[in-house]
PDB file of N, CA and C in Angstrom:
ATOM      1  N   MET A   1     148.882  12.695-260.091  1.00  0.00           N
ATOM      2  CA  MET A   1     149.680  12.310-258.952  1.00  0.00           C
ATOM      3  C   MET A   1     150.529  13.490-258.475  1.00  0.00           C
ATOM      4  N   ARG A   2     151.072  14.206-259.444  1.00  0.00           N
ATOM      5  CA  ARG A   2     151.899  15.351-259.106  1.00  0.00           C
ATOM      6  C   ARG A   2     151.064  16.438-258.430  1.00  0.00           C
ATOM      7  N   ASN A   3     149.842  16.638-258.917  1.00  0.00           N
ATOM      8  CA  ASN A   3     148.957  17.654-258.334  1.00  0.00           C
ATOM      9  C   ASN A   3     148.577  17.288-256.892  1.00  0.00           C
ATOM     10  N   LEU A   4     148.336  16.021-256.651  1.00  0.00           N
ATOM     11  CA  LEU A   4     148.001  15.554-255.308  1.00  0.00           C
ATOM     12  C   LEU A   4     149.163  15.808-254.354  1.00  0.00           C
ATOM     13  N   PHE A   5     150.388  15.528-254.828  1.00  0.00           N
ATOM     14  CA  PHE A   5     151.572  15.773-254.012  1.00  0.00           C
ATOM     15  C   PHE A   5     151.719  17.263-253.698  1.00  0.00           C
ATOM     16  N   LEU A   6     151.501  18.136-254.681  1.00  0.00           N
ATOM     17  CA  LEU A   6     151.609  19.573-254.470  1.00  0.00           C
ATOM     18  C   LEU A   6     150.546  20.077-253.483  1.00  0.00           C
ATOM     19  N   VAL A   7     149.346  19.545-253.614  1.00  0.00           N
ATOM     20  CA  VAL A   7     148.276  19.938-252.689  1.00  0.00           C
ATOM     21  C   VAL A   7     148.617  19.515-251.268  1.00  0.00           C
ATOM     22  N   LEU A   8     149.134  18.302-251.089  1.00  0.00           N
ATOM     23  CA  LEU A   8     149.513  17.834-249.753  1.00  0.00           C
ATOM     24  C   LEU A   8     150.647  18.665-249.169  1.00  0.00           C
ATOM     25  N   VAL A   9     151.614  19.040-250.001  1.00  0.00           N
ATOM     26  CA  VAL A   9     152.715  19.873-249.527  1.00  0.00           C
ATOM     27  C   VAL A   9     152.204  21.250-249.115  1.00  0.00           C
ATOM     28  N   LEU A  10     151.315  21.838-249.907  1.00  0.00           N
ATOM     29  CA  LEU A  10     150.775  23.152-249.576  1.00  0.00           C
ATOM     30  C   LEU A  10     149.929  23.112-248.299  1.00  0.00           C
ATOM     31  N   VAL A  11     149.145  22.057-248.143  1.00  0.00           N
ATOM     32  CA  VAL A  11     148.340  21.908-246.923  1.00  0.00           C
ATOM     33  C   VAL A  11     149.259  21.721-245.724  1.00  0.00           C
ATOM     34  N   GLY A  12     150.319  20.953-245.887  1.00  0.00           N
ATOM     35  CA  GLY A  12     151.278  20.743-244.809  1.00  0.00           C
ATOM     36  C   GLY A  12     151.976  22.031-244.421  1.00  0.00           C
ATOM     37  N   LEU A  13     152.357  22.833-245.406  1.00  0.00           N
ATOM     38  CA  LEU A  13     153.005  24.117-245.108  1.00  0.00           C
ATOM     39  C   LEU A  13     152.043  25.082-244.421  1.00  0.00           C
ATOM     40  N   ALA A  14     150.803  25.065-244.851  1.00  0.00           N
ATOM     41  CA  ALA A  14     149.812  25.951-244.235  1.00  0.00           C
ATOM     42  C   ALA A  14     149.545  25.540-242.787  1.00  0.00           C
ATOM     43  N   ALA A  15     149.586  24.241-242.521  1.00  0.00           N
ATOM     44  CA  ALA A  15     149.332  23.760-241.165  1.00  0.00           C
ATOM     45  C   ALA A  15     150.509  24.023-240.238  1.00  0.00           C
ATOM     46  N   CYS A  16     151.700  24.159-240.778  1.00  0.00           N
ATOM     47  CA  CYS A  16     152.891  24.348-239.957  1.00  0.00           C
ATOM     48  C   CYS A  16     153.222  25.809-239.684  1.00  0.00           C
ATOM     49  N   GLN A  17     152.403  26.724-240.127  1.00  0.00           N
ATOM     50  CA  GLN A  17     152.693  28.125-239.865  1.00  0.00           C
ATOM     51  C   GLN A  17     152.618  28.382-238.374  1.00  0.00           C
ATOM     52  N   ASP A  18     153.527  29.223-237.895  1.00  0.00           N
ATOM     53  CA  ASP A  18     153.548  29.543-236.473  1.00  0.00           C
ATOM     54  C   ASP A  18     152.439  30.530-236.149  1.00  0.00           C
ATOM     55  N   ASP A  19     151.644  30.152-235.172  1.00  0.00           N
ATOM     56  CA  ASP A  19     150.626  31.071-234.668  1.00  0.00           C
ATOM     57  C   ASP A  19     151.277  31.942-233.610  1.00  0.00           C
ATOM     58  N   VAL A  20     151.066  33.219-233.709  1.00  0.00           N
ATOM     59  CA  VAL A  20     151.646  34.137-232.740  1.00  0.00           C
ATOM     60  C   VAL A  20     150.741  34.149-231.513  1.00  0.00           C
ATOM     61  N   LEU A  21     151.303  33.719-230.399  1.00  0.00           N
ATOM     62  CA  LEU A  21     150.556  33.684-229.148  1.00  0.00           C
ATOM     63  C   LEU A  21     150.982  34.858-228.278  1.00  0.00           C
ATOM     64  N   PRO A  22     150.067  35.441-227.545  1.00  0.00           N
ATOM     65  CA  PRO A  22     150.453  36.549-226.665  1.00  0.00           C
ATOM     66  C   PRO A  22     151.347  36.038-225.540  1.00  0.00           C
ATOM     67  N   THR A  23     152.327  36.842-225.163  1.00  0.00           N
ATOM     68  CA  THR A  23     153.241  36.427-224.096  1.00  0.00           C
ATOM     69  C   THR A  23     152.634  36.662-222.721  1.00  0.00           C
ATOM     70  N   LYS A  24     151.768  37.652-222.603  1.00  0.00           N
ATOM     71  CA  LYS A  24     151.103  37.924-221.334  1.00  0.00           C
ATOM     72  C   LYS A  24     149.606  37.655-221.498  1.00  0.00           C
ATOM     73  N   PRO A  25     148.953  37.058-220.503  1.00  0.00           N
ATOM     74  CA  PRO A  25     147.514  36.841-220.613  1.00  0.00           C
ATOM     75  C   PRO A  25     146.761  38.168-220.577  1.00  0.00           C
ATOM     76  N   VAL A  26     145.655  38.179-221.245  1.00  0.00           N
ATOM     77  CA  VAL A  26     144.824  39.379-221.288  1.00  0.00           C
ATOM     78  C   VAL A  26     144.137  39.543-219.942  1.00  0.00           C
ATOM     79  N   ALA A  27     144.231  40.719-219.389  1.00  0.00           N
ATOM     80  CA  ALA A  27     143.610  40.981-218.090  1.00  0.00           C
ATOM     81  C   ALA A  27     142.108  41.164-218.259  1.00  0.00           C
ATOM     82  N   THR A  28     141.357  40.441-217.463  1.00  0.00           N
ATOM     83  CA  THR A  28     139.902  40.579-217.479  1.00  0.00           C
ATOM     84  C   THR A  28     139.480  41.261-216.181  1.00  0.00           C
ATOM     85  N   PRO A  29     138.500  42.136-216.257  1.00  0.00           N
ATOM     86  CA  PRO A  29     138.062  42.803-215.031  1.00  0.00           C
ATOM     87  C   PRO A  29     137.387  41.810-214.091  1.00  0.00           C
ATOM     88  N   ARG A  30     137.725  41.902-212.827  1.00  0.00           N
ATOM     89  CA  ARG A  30     137.126  41.009-211.841  1.00  0.00           C
ATOM     90  C   ARG A  30     135.798  41.570-211.375  1.00  0.00           C
ATOM     91  N   LYS A  31     134.881  40.661-211.184  1.00  0.00           N
ATOM     92  CA  LYS A  31     133.560  41.043-210.713  1.00  0.00           C
ATOM     93  C   LYS A  31     133.607  41.231-209.201  1.00  0.00           C
ATOM     94  N   ALA A  32     133.053  42.306-208.752  1.00  0.00           N
ATOM     95  CA  ALA A  32     133.057  42.596-207.319  1.00  0.00           C
ATOM     96  C   ALA A  32     132.147  41.608-206.597  1.00  0.00           C
ATOM     97  N   LYS A  33     132.546  41.222-205.406  1.00  0.00           N
ATOM     98  CA  LYS A  33     131.727  40.315-204.617  1.00  0.00           C
ATOM     99  C   LYS A  33     130.473  41.052-204.154  1.00  0.00           C
ATOM    100  N   PRO A  34     129.350  40.354-204.131  1.00  0.00           N
ATOM    101  CA  PRO A  34     128.124  41.024-203.697  1.00  0.00           C
ATOM    102  C   PRO A  34     128.197  41.395-202.216  1.00  0.00           C
ATOM    103  N   SER A  35     127.688  42.550-201.924  1.00  0.00           N
ATOM    104  CA  SER A  35     127.670  42.998-200.537  1.00  0.00           C
ATOM    105  C   SER A  35     126.429  42.460-199.840  1.00  0.00           C
ATOM    106  N   ILE A  36     126.500  42.396-198.542  1.00  0.00           N
ATOM    107  CA  ILE A  36     125.351  41.922-197.770  1.00  0.00           C
ATOM    108  C   ILE A  36     124.332  43.047-197.712  1.00  0.00           C
ATOM    109  N   SER A  37     123.142  42.741-198.148  1.00  0.00           N
ATOM    110  CA  SER A  37     122.106  43.772-198.194  1.00  0.00           C
ATOM    111  C   SER A  37     121.136  43.591-197.034  1.00  0.00           C
ATOM    112  N   ALA A  38     120.158  44.463-197.003  1.00  0.00           N
ATOM    113  CA  ALA A  38     119.142  44.404-195.951  1.00  0.00           C
ATOM    114  C   ALA A  38     118.286  43.160-196.093  1.00  0.00           C
ATOM    115  N   ALA A  39     118.202  42.617-197.317  1.00  0.00           N
ATOM    116  CA  ALA A  39     117.392  41.422-197.522  1.00  0.00           C
ATOM    117  C   ALA A  39     118.010  40.214-196.828  1.00  0.00           C
ATOM    118  N   VAL A  40     119.344  40.170-196.776  1.00  0.00           N
ATOM    119  CA  VAL A  40     119.995  39.072-196.083  1.00  0.00           C
ATOM    120  C   VAL A  40     119.716  39.151-194.595  1.00  0.00           C
ATOM    121  N   VAL A  41     119.714  40.352-194.057  1.00  0.00           N
ATOM    122  CA  VAL A  41     119.419  40.537-192.650  1.00  0.00           C
ATOM    123  C   VAL A  41     117.964  40.190-192.363  1.00  0.00           C
ATOM    124  N   ALA A  42     117.083  40.386-193.359  1.00  0.00           N
ATOM    125  CA  ALA A  42     115.663  40.129-193.167  1.00  0.00           C
ATOM    126  C   ALA A  42     115.344  38.634-193.110  1.00  0.00           C
ATOM    127  N   MET A  43     116.253  37.779-193.613  1.00  0.00           N
ATOM    128  CA  MET A  43     116.007  36.340-193.538  1.00  0.00           C
ATOM    129  C   MET A  43     116.036  35.909-192.073  1.00  0.00           C
ATOM    130  N   PRO A  44     115.069  35.123-191.664  1.00  0.00           N
ATOM    131  CA  PRO A  44     115.024  34.713-190.262  1.00  0.00           C
ATOM    132  C   PRO A  44     116.189  33.796-189.905  1.00  0.00           C
ATOM    133  N   ARG A  45     116.683  33.938-188.683  1.00  0.00           N
ATOM    134  CA  ARG A  45     117.763  33.085-188.190  1.00  0.00           C
ATOM    135  C   ARG A  45     117.144  31.840-187.566  1.00  0.00           C
ATOM    136  N   VAL A  46     117.597  30.681-188.011  1.00  0.00           N
ATOM    137  CA  VAL A  46     117.034  29.424-187.551  1.00  0.00           C
ATOM    138  C   VAL A  46     118.180  28.527-187.111  1.00  0.00           C
ATOM    139  N   ASP A  47     117.984  27.822-186.011  1.00  0.00           N
ATOM    140  CA  ASP A  47     118.968  26.844-185.572  1.00  0.00           C
ATOM    141  C   ASP A  47     118.834  25.610-186.462  1.00  0.00           C
ATOM    142  N   THR A  48     119.864  25.334-187.266  1.00  0.00           N
ATOM    143  CA  THR A  48     119.777  24.239-188.233  1.00  0.00           C
ATOM    144  C   THR A  48     120.454  22.965-187.748  1.00  0.00           C
ATOM    145  N   THR A  49     120.777  22.885-186.462  1.00  0.00           N
ATOM    146  CA  THR A  49     121.440  21.670-185.987  1.00  0.00           C
ATOM    147  C   THR A  49     120.505  20.468-186.042  1.00  0.00           C
ATOM    148  N   ARG A  50     119.244  20.668-185.746  1.00  0.00           N
ATOM    149  CA  ARG A  50     118.284  19.559-185.788  1.00  0.00           C
ATOM    150  C   ARG A  50     117.145  19.845-186.764  1.00  0.00           C
ATOM    151  N   ALA A  51     117.381  20.726-187.723  1.00  0.00           N
ATOM    152  CA  ALA A  51     116.335  21.100-188.683  1.00  0.00           C
ATOM    153  C   ALA A  51     116.209  20.036-189.762  1.00  0.00           C
ATOM    154  N   SER A  52     115.069  20.021-190.413  1.00  0.00           N
ATOM    155  CA  SER A  52     114.841  19.059-191.494  1.00  0.00           C
ATOM    156  C   SER A  52     115.604  19.487-192.741  1.00  0.00           C
ATOM    157  N   SER A  53     115.733  18.559-193.672  1.00  0.00           N
ATOM    158  CA  SER A  53     116.451  18.856-194.913  1.00  0.00           C
ATOM    159  C   SER A  53     115.690  19.882-195.751  1.00  0.00           C
ATOM    160  N   ILE A  54     114.370  19.877-195.670  1.00  0.00           N
ATOM    161  CA  ILE A  54     113.570  20.861-196.406  1.00  0.00           C
ATOM    162  C   ILE A  54     113.818  22.257-195.845  1.00  0.00           C
ATOM    163  N   CYS A  55     113.927  22.339-194.538  1.00  0.00           N
ATOM    164  CA  CYS A  55     114.203  23.633-193.906  1.00  0.00           C
ATOM    165  C   CYS A  55     115.575  24.147-194.322  1.00  0.00           C
ATOM    166  N   LYS A  56     116.571  23.284-194.327  1.00  0.00           N
ATOM    167  CA  LYS A  56     117.923  23.687-194.719  1.00  0.00           C
ATOM    168  C   LYS A  56     117.975  24.111-196.186  1.00  0.00           C
ATOM    169  N   ALA A  57     117.279  23.369-197.043  1.00  0.00           N
ATOM    170  CA  ALA A  57     117.263  23.708-198.465  1.00  0.00           C
ATOM    171  C   ALA A  57     116.561  25.040-198.696  1.00  0.00           C
ATOM    172  N   THR A  58     115.500  25.286-197.938  1.00  0.00           N
ATOM    173  CA  THR A  58     114.788  26.556-198.064  1.00  0.00           C
ATOM    174  C   THR A  58     115.659  27.714-197.599  1.00  0.00           C
ATOM    175  N   LEU A  59     116.410  27.508-196.549  1.00  0.00           N
ATOM    176  CA  LEU A  59     117.332  28.543-196.073  1.00  0.00           C
ATOM    177  C   LEU A  59     118.406  28.856-197.111  1.00  0.00           C
ATOM    178  N   ARG A  60     118.953  27.812-197.735  1.00  0.00           N
ATOM    179  CA  ARG A  60     119.974  28.036-198.766  1.00  0.00           C
ATOM    180  C   ARG A  60     119.396  28.774-199.964  1.00  0.00           C
ATOM    181  N   ALA A  61     118.211  28.366-200.415  1.00  0.00           N
ATOM    182  CA  ALA A  61     117.581  29.031-201.560  1.00  0.00           C
ATOM    183  C   ALA A  61     117.235  30.476-201.229  1.00  0.00           C
ATOM    184  N   GLY A  62     116.789  30.717-200.005  1.00  0.00           N
ATOM    185  CA  GLY A  62     116.502  32.088-199.596  1.00  0.00           C
ATOM    186  C   GLY A  62     117.761  32.939-199.538  1.00  0.00           C
ATOM    187  N   GLY A  63     118.864  32.342-199.119  1.00  0.00           N
ATOM    188  CA  GLY A  63     120.132  33.062-199.107  1.00  0.00           C
ATOM    189  C   GLY A  63     120.599  33.421-200.504  1.00  0.00           C
ATOM    190  N   ARG A  64     120.421  32.489-201.450  1.00  0.00           N
ATOM    191  CA  ARG A  64     120.786  32.787-202.840  1.00  0.00           C
ATOM    192  C   ARG A  64     119.911  33.895-203.407  1.00  0.00           C
ATOM    193  N   ALA A  65     118.624  33.869-203.079  1.00  0.00           N
ATOM    194  CA  ALA A  65     117.731  34.931-203.555  1.00  0.00           C
ATOM    195  C   ALA A  65     118.109  36.272-202.937  1.00  0.00           C
ATOM    196  N   ALA A  66     118.521  36.249-201.683  1.00  0.00           N
ATOM    197  CA  ALA A  66     118.925  37.491-201.023  1.00  0.00           C
ATOM    198  C   ALA A  66     120.207  38.043-201.641  1.00  0.00           C
ATOM    199  N   LEU A  67     121.131  37.165-202.020  1.00  0.00           N
ATOM    200  CA  LEU A  67     122.342  37.624-202.699  1.00  0.00           C
ATOM    201  C   LEU A  67     122.014  38.225-204.056  1.00  0.00           C
ATOM    202  N   LYS A  68     121.034  37.648-204.732  1.00  0.00           N
ATOM    203  CA  LYS A  68     120.604  38.191-206.025  1.00  0.00           C
ATOM    204  C   LYS A  68     120.053  39.606-205.841  1.00  0.00           C
ATOM    205  N   VAL A  69     119.304  39.822-204.758  1.00  0.00           N
ATOM    206  CA  VAL A  69     118.789  41.165-204.476  1.00  0.00           C
ATOM    207  C   VAL A  69     119.944  42.099-204.158  1.00  0.00           C
ATOM    208  N   GLY A  70     120.971  41.580-203.489  1.00  0.00           N
ATOM    209  CA  GLY A  70     122.136  42.399-203.189  1.00  0.00           C
ATOM    210  C   GLY A  70     122.877  42.844-204.440  1.00  0.00           C
ATOM    211  N   GLU A  71     122.897  41.983-205.465  1.00  0.00           N
ATOM    212  CA  GLU A  71     123.552  42.326-206.720  1.00  0.00           C
ATOM    213  C   GLU A  71     122.712  43.298-207.537  1.00  0.00           C
ATOM    214  N   GLU A  72     121.418  43.038-207.604  1.00  0.00           N
ATOM    215  CA  GLU A  72     120.508  43.877-208.384  1.00  0.00           C
ATOM    216  C   GLU A  72     119.325  44.286-207.506  1.00  0.00           C
ATOM    217  N   PRO A  73     119.438  45.376-206.767  1.00  0.00           N
ATOM    218  CA  PRO A  73     118.373  45.759-205.829  1.00  0.00           C
ATOM    219  C   PRO A  73     117.051  46.119-206.495  1.00  0.00           C
ATOM    220  N   SER A  74     117.065  46.456-207.763  1.00  0.00           N
ATOM    221  CA  SER A  74     115.824  46.871-208.410  1.00  0.00           C
ATOM    222  C   SER A  74     115.070  45.705-209.048  1.00  0.00           C
ATOM    223  N   ASP A  75     115.512  44.473-208.841  1.00  0.00           N
ATOM    224  CA  ASP A  75     114.860  43.311-209.444  1.00  0.00           C
ATOM    225  C   ASP A  75     113.640  42.922-208.616  1.00  0.00           C
ATOM    226  N   PRO A  76     112.418  43.128-209.137  1.00  0.00           N
ATOM    227  CA  PRO A  76     111.226  42.838-208.329  1.00  0.00           C
ATOM    228  C   PRO A  76     110.994  41.336-208.124  1.00  0.00           C
ATOM    229  N   VAL A  77     111.409  40.518-209.075  1.00  0.00           N
ATOM    230  CA  VAL A  77     111.208  39.073-208.935  1.00  0.00           C
ATOM    231  C   VAL A  77     112.068  38.536-207.796  1.00  0.00           C
ATOM    232  N   ALA A  78     113.297  38.999-207.721  1.00  0.00           N
ATOM    233  CA  ALA A  78     114.182  38.546-206.649  1.00  0.00           C
ATOM    234  C   ALA A  78     113.663  38.990-205.285  1.00  0.00           C
ATOM    235  N   ARG A  79     113.119  40.195-205.217  1.00  0.00           N
ATOM    236  CA  ARG A  79     112.550  40.667-203.941  1.00  0.00           C
ATOM    237  C   ARG A  79     111.364  39.803-203.514  1.00  0.00           C
ATOM    238  N   LYS A  80     110.519  39.433-204.475  1.00  0.00           N
ATOM    239  CA  LYS A  80     109.370  38.574-204.155  1.00  0.00           C
ATOM    240  C   LYS A  80     109.839  37.203-203.675  1.00  0.00           C
ATOM    241  N   LYS A  81     110.933  36.697-204.276  1.00  0.00           N
ATOM    242  CA  LYS A  81     111.459  35.400-203.843  1.00  0.00           C
ATOM    243  C   LYS A  81     111.963  35.470-202.410  1.00  0.00           C
ATOM    244  N   VAL A  82     112.638  36.560-202.057  1.00  0.00           N
ATOM    245  CA  VAL A  82     113.150  36.707-200.697  1.00  0.00           C
ATOM    246  C   VAL A  82     112.000  36.714-199.708  1.00  0.00           C
ATOM    247  N   VAL A  83     110.952  37.446-200.014  1.00  0.00           N
ATOM    248  CA  VAL A  83     109.784  37.511-199.123  1.00  0.00           C
ATOM    249  C   VAL A  83     109.129  36.138-199.017  1.00  0.00           C
ATOM    250  N   ALA A  84     108.998  35.442-200.141  1.00  0.00           N
ATOM    251  CA  ALA A  84     108.358  34.120-200.129  1.00  0.00           C
ATOM    252  C   ALA A  84     109.188  33.116-199.337  1.00  0.00           C
ATOM    253  N   TYR A  85     110.505  33.123-199.559  1.00  0.00           N
ATOM    254  CA  TYR A  85     111.352  32.172-198.829  1.00  0.00           C
ATOM    255  C   TYR A  85     111.390  32.477-197.337  1.00  0.00           C
ATOM    256  N   SER A  86     111.390  33.752-196.965  1.00  0.00           N
ATOM    257  CA  SER A  86     111.405  34.055-195.528  1.00  0.00           C
ATOM    258  C   SER A  86     110.100  33.627-194.876  1.00  0.00           C
ATOM    259  N   ALA A  87     108.981  33.769-195.585  1.00  0.00           N
ATOM    260  CA  ALA A  87     107.699  33.296-195.035  1.00  0.00           C
ATOM    261  C   ALA A  87     107.691  31.776-194.939  1.00  0.00           C
ATOM    262  N   LEU A  88     108.266  31.113-195.927  1.00  0.00           N
ATOM    263  CA  LEU A  88     108.323  29.654-195.896  1.00  0.00           C
ATOM    264  C   LEU A  88     109.226  29.151-194.779  1.00  0.00           C
ATOM    265  N   VAL A  89     110.323  29.848-194.535  1.00  0.00           N
ATOM    266  CA  VAL A  89     111.226  29.461-193.465  1.00  0.00           C
ATOM    267  C   VAL A  89     110.564  29.611-192.104  1.00  0.00           C
ATOM    268  N   THR A  90     109.860  30.730-191.902  1.00  0.00           N
ATOM    269  CA  THR A  90     109.200  30.927-190.598  1.00  0.00           C
ATOM    270  C   THR A  90     108.107  29.892-190.383  1.00  0.00           C
ATOM    271  N   ASP A  91     107.497  29.402-191.473  1.00  0.00           N
ATOM    272  CA  ASP A  91     106.439  28.399-191.339  1.00  0.00           C
ATOM    273  C   ASP A  91     107.009  26.984-191.199  1.00  0.00           C
ATOM    274  N   ALA A  92     108.011  26.651-192.023  1.00  0.00           N
ATOM    275  CA  ALA A  92     108.497  25.270-192.066  1.00  0.00           C
ATOM    276  C   ALA A  92     109.571  24.965-191.031  1.00  0.00           C
ATOM    277  N   CYS A  93     110.287  25.939-190.586  1.00  0.00           N
ATOM    278  CA  CYS A  93     111.415  25.705-189.672  1.00  0.00           C
ATOM    279  C   CYS A  93     111.080  26.128-188.258  1.00  0.00           C
ATOM    280  N   LYS A  94     110.122  25.492-187.662  1.00  0.00           N
ATOM    281  CA  LYS A  94     109.709  25.844-186.301  1.00  0.00           C
ATOM    282  C   LYS A  94     110.453  25.000-185.302  1.00  0.00           C
TER     283      LYS A  94
END
């Protein structure tokens, strides 16, 4: 019984130790916003006021792919996606 009491007291003391918290938050480097690249300009401009939902979704996906190319210009997969989405937009959004 005495040993159990001592163990509980030691666990309680260990749990009550003050953790030293930093007074100022650690500064993290901010990621630069992606710049508009030539791939974004290459996406066709479509009037989306009366466009179908598939056309709008394709435009959004193509814009995301173009931003990816803007972040990493040497990514061949992203470049292929931009070309594919722009061809799909010109075909589907007439």
